[in-house]
Amino acid sequence: MTFFLVFDVPVFWPILLYYWIVLFVLTMKRQIVQMIKYKYVPFSIRKQKYGGKKSVVSTSSSKDWFRTCPSRNLPGEQDT
């Protein structure tokens, strides 16, 4: 099934499979070593959680802040 009969060589498929696996490993070795070095995982099982800043619970509500703002008053309140 080739243009030239010289290249029409029968190949035993397990040998061809082994050849492709070796070729893949040799060409990807550098990338695989770097991924292992930097602990890169190309897949994830569940959503990653970060241990960032914890939310701070304040004792004052947003209405208290609004009241302390000098240029704003709540509806129905007078300027003092």
N, C-alpha and C. Protein backbone atom coordinates (compact mmCIF):
# COMPACT_ATOMS: atom_id res chain seq x y z
N MET A 1 0.82 -1.19 0.00
CA MET A 1 0.00 0.00 0.00
C MET A 1 0.87 1.26 0.00
N THR A 2 1.96 1.22 -0.69
CA THR A 2 2.84 2.38 -0.75
C THR A 2 3.04 2.78 -2.21
N PHE A 3 3.66 3.94 -2.41
CA PHE A 3 3.96 4.38 -3.77
C PHE A 3 5.12 3.60 -4.36
N PHE A 4 6.02 3.16 -3.48
CA PHE A 4 7.18 2.42 -3.94
C PHE A 4 7.20 1.05 -3.27
N LEU A 5 7.44 0.03 -4.03
CA LEU A 5 7.43 -1.33 -3.50
C LEU A 5 8.58 -1.58 -2.52
N VAL A 6 9.61 -0.78 -2.58
CA VAL A 6 10.74 -0.94 -1.68
C VAL A 6 10.31 -0.70 -0.22
N PHE A 7 9.34 0.21 -0.02
CA PHE A 7 8.89 0.56 1.33
C PHE A 7 7.75 -0.33 1.83
N ASP A 8 7.31 -1.25 1.04
CA ASP A 8 6.22 -2.15 1.43
C ASP A 8 6.81 -3.33 2.20
N VAL A 9 7.15 -3.08 3.45
CA VAL A 9 7.81 -4.09 4.29
C VAL A 9 6.81 -4.56 5.34
N PRO A 10 6.64 -5.86 5.51
CA PRO A 10 5.75 -6.34 6.55
C PRO A 10 6.37 -6.11 7.94
N VAL A 11 5.53 -5.67 8.86
CA VAL A 11 6.01 -5.36 10.21
C VAL A 11 5.11 -6.08 11.21
N PHE A 12 5.74 -6.74 12.16
CA PHE A 12 5.01 -7.41 13.22
C PHE A 12 4.53 -6.34 14.20
N TRP A 13 3.22 -6.24 14.48
CA TRP A 13 2.66 -5.10 15.20
C TRP A 13 3.19 -4.93 16.63
N PRO A 14 3.52 -5.99 17.40
CA PRO A 14 4.10 -5.73 18.74
C PRO A 14 5.44 -5.01 18.68
N ILE A 15 6.22 -5.30 17.67
CA ILE A 15 7.50 -4.61 17.52
C ILE A 15 7.26 -3.14 17.19
N LEU A 16 6.29 -2.86 16.37
CA LEU A 16 5.94 -1.48 16.03
C LEU A 16 5.42 -0.72 17.25
N LEU A 17 4.61 -1.38 18.05
CA LEU A 17 4.11 -0.77 19.29
C LEU A 17 5.26 -0.46 20.24
N TYR A 18 6.15 -1.40 20.42
CA TYR A 18 7.31 -1.19 21.28
C TYR A 18 8.16 -0.01 20.77
N TYR A 19 8.34 0.07 19.47
CA TYR A 19 9.10 1.16 18.87
C TYR A 19 8.46 2.51 19.20
N TRP A 20 7.15 2.63 19.09
CA TRP A 20 6.46 3.90 19.38
C TRP A 20 6.54 4.26 20.86
N ILE A 21 6.46 3.27 21.72
CA ILE A 21 6.57 3.55 23.16
C ILE A 21 7.98 4.05 23.50
N VAL A 22 9.00 3.41 22.98
CA VAL A 22 10.39 3.83 23.22
C VAL A 22 10.60 5.23 22.66
N LEU A 23 10.11 5.48 21.48
CA LEU A 23 10.25 6.80 20.87
C LEU A 23 9.57 7.88 21.71
N PHE A 24 8.38 7.58 22.22
CA PHE A 24 7.66 8.53 23.06
C PHE A 24 8.43 8.81 24.35
N VAL A 25 8.91 7.76 25.01
CA VAL A 25 9.64 7.94 26.28
C VAL A 25 10.91 8.75 26.06
N LEU A 26 11.64 8.47 25.00
CA LEU A 26 12.88 9.20 24.74
C LEU A 26 12.63 10.68 24.44
N THR A 27 11.56 10.97 23.74
CA THR A 27 11.30 12.37 23.40
C THR A 27 10.64 13.14 24.55
N MET A 28 9.94 12.45 25.43
CA MET A 28 9.23 13.13 26.52
C MET A 28 10.00 13.08 27.85
N LYS A 29 11.16 12.46 27.86
CA LYS A 29 11.90 12.28 29.11
C LYS A 29 12.17 13.61 29.82
N ARG A 30 12.60 14.61 29.10
CA ARG A 30 12.92 15.91 29.71
C ARG A 30 11.68 16.55 30.33
N GLN A 31 10.56 16.50 29.60
CA GLN A 31 9.32 17.09 30.12
C GLN A 31 8.81 16.32 31.33
N ILE A 32 8.91 15.00 31.30
CA ILE A 32 8.45 14.19 32.42
C ILE A 32 9.30 14.45 33.66
N VAL A 33 10.62 14.56 33.47
CA VAL A 33 11.52 14.84 34.61
C VAL A 33 11.20 16.20 35.21
N GLN A 34 10.93 17.20 34.38
CA GLN A 34 10.60 18.53 34.88
C GLN A 34 9.26 18.52 35.62
N MET A 35 8.28 17.79 35.12
CA MET A 35 6.98 17.69 35.79
C MET A 35 7.12 17.03 37.16
N ILE A 36 7.96 16.02 37.26
CA ILE A 36 8.19 15.36 38.55
C ILE A 36 8.94 16.31 39.49
N LYS A 37 9.92 17.04 38.96
CA LYS A 37 10.73 17.96 39.78
C LYS A 37 9.87 19.04 40.42
N TYR A 38 8.93 19.63 39.66
CA TYR A 38 8.09 20.70 40.18
C TYR A 38 6.74 20.21 40.69
N LYS A 39 6.61 18.89 40.86
CA LYS A 39 5.41 18.26 41.43
C LYS A 39 4.15 18.66 40.68
N TYR A 40 4.24 18.68 39.36
CA TYR A 40 3.09 19.00 38.53
C TYR A 40 2.24 17.75 38.32
N VAL A 41 0.95 17.85 38.58
CA VAL A 41 0.03 16.75 38.35
C VAL A 41 -0.91 17.18 37.23
N PRO A 42 -0.89 16.50 36.09
CA PRO A 42 -1.70 16.94 34.95
C PRO A 42 -3.19 16.64 35.08
N PHE A 43 -3.62 16.08 36.18
CA PHE A 43 -5.03 15.80 36.40
C PHE A 43 -5.36 16.05 37.86
N SER A 44 -6.63 16.23 38.17
CA SER A 44 -7.03 16.43 39.56
C SER A 44 -8.29 15.61 39.83
N ILE A 45 -8.38 15.10 41.04
CA ILE A 45 -9.51 14.27 41.42
C ILE A 45 -10.65 15.14 41.93
N ARG A 46 -10.31 16.16 42.72
CA ARG A 46 -11.32 17.07 43.24
C ARG A 46 -10.81 18.49 43.23
N LYS A 47 -11.69 19.42 43.52
CA LYS A 47 -11.32 20.83 43.51
C LYS A 47 -10.26 21.11 44.56
N GLN A 48 -9.25 21.86 44.17
CA GLN A 48 -8.16 22.19 45.08
C GLN A 48 -8.61 23.28 46.03
N LYS A 49 -8.24 23.14 47.30
CA LYS A 49 -8.57 24.14 48.31
C LYS A 49 -7.29 24.84 48.74
N TYR A 50 -7.37 26.14 48.84
CA TYR A 50 -6.23 26.93 49.25
C TYR A 50 -6.42 27.37 50.69
N GLY A 51 -5.38 27.43 51.46
CA GLY A 51 -5.44 27.85 52.85
C GLY A 51 -5.11 29.32 52.97
N GLY A 52 -5.73 30.16 52.17
CA GLY A 52 -5.46 31.59 52.16
C GLY A 52 -5.94 32.28 53.41
N LYS A 53 -6.19 33.57 53.29
CA LYS A 53 -6.61 34.37 54.43
C LYS A 53 -7.97 33.91 54.94
N LYS A 54 -8.08 33.89 56.24
CA LYS A 54 -9.36 33.56 56.87
C LYS A 54 -10.20 34.83 56.92
N SER A 55 -11.51 34.69 56.77
CA SER A 55 -12.37 35.87 56.84
C SER A 55 -12.48 36.33 58.28
N VAL A 56 -12.40 37.63 58.47
CA VAL A 56 -12.46 38.23 59.80
C VAL A 56 -13.89 38.64 60.06
N VAL A 57 -14.42 38.18 61.19
CA VAL A 57 -15.79 38.53 61.56
C VAL A 57 -15.72 39.80 62.38
N SER A 58 -16.37 40.84 61.89
CA SER A 58 -16.35 42.11 62.61
C SER A 58 -17.60 42.21 63.48
N THR A 59 -17.51 43.00 64.54
CA THR A 59 -18.64 43.16 65.45
C THR A 59 -19.61 44.22 64.96
N SER A 60 -19.16 45.08 64.07
CA SER A 60 -20.05 46.13 63.58
C SER A 60 -20.64 45.71 62.24
N SER A 61 -21.85 46.11 62.00
CA SER A 61 -22.50 45.77 60.74
C SER A 61 -22.27 46.89 59.73
N SER A 62 -22.73 46.68 58.52
CA SER A 62 -22.56 47.69 57.49
C SER A 62 -23.38 48.94 57.81
N LYS A 63 -24.48 48.80 58.54
CA LYS A 63 -25.28 49.96 58.92
C LYS A 63 -24.48 50.85 59.88
N ASP A 64 -23.69 50.23 60.77
CA ASP A 64 -22.87 51.01 61.69
C ASP A 64 -21.83 51.81 60.92
N TRP A 65 -21.21 51.23 59.92
CA TRP A 65 -20.24 51.95 59.12
C TRP A 65 -20.93 53.08 58.38
N PHE A 66 -22.12 52.81 57.86
CA PHE A 66 -22.86 53.80 57.11
C PHE A 66 -23.19 55.00 57.99
N ARG A 67 -23.50 54.76 59.26
CA ARG A 67 -23.82 55.84 60.19
C ARG A 67 -22.59 56.68 60.54
N THR A 68 -21.41 56.07 60.55
CA THR A 68 -20.21 56.82 60.91
C THR A 68 -19.67 57.62 59.74
N CYS A 69 -20.12 57.33 58.54
CA CYS A 69 -19.69 58.07 57.36
C CYS A 69 -20.33 59.47 57.42
N PRO A 70 -19.55 60.56 57.44
CA PRO A 70 -20.10 61.89 57.66
C PRO A 70 -20.98 62.40 56.52
N SER A 71 -20.78 61.92 55.31
CA SER A 71 -21.53 62.49 54.19
C SER A 71 -22.82 61.73 53.90
N ARG A 72 -23.12 60.69 54.61
CA ARG A 72 -24.30 59.88 54.34
C ARG A 72 -25.13 59.70 55.60
N ASN A 73 -26.42 59.62 55.42
CA ASN A 73 -27.34 59.29 56.51
C ASN A 73 -28.30 58.22 56.04
N LEU A 74 -28.78 57.42 56.94
CA LEU A 74 -29.79 56.43 56.61
C LEU A 74 -31.09 57.14 56.29
N PRO A 75 -31.93 56.55 55.45
CA PRO A 75 -33.21 57.19 55.14
C PRO A 75 -34.03 57.42 56.40
N GLY A 76 -34.61 58.59 56.52
CA GLY A 76 -35.43 58.91 57.70
C GLY A 76 -34.64 59.51 58.84
N GLU A 77 -33.31 59.66 58.70
CA GLU A 77 -32.51 60.24 59.77
C GLU A 77 -32.18 61.68 59.42
N GLN A 78 -32.00 62.49 60.44
CA GLN A 78 -31.68 63.90 60.28
C GLN A 78 -30.17 64.09 60.44
N ASP A 79 -29.68 65.19 59.84
CA ASP A 79 -28.27 65.58 60.05
C ASP A 79 -28.11 66.04 61.46
N THR A 80 -27.04 65.68 62.10
CA THR A 80 -26.78 66.16 63.47
C THR A 80 -25.59 67.03 63.54
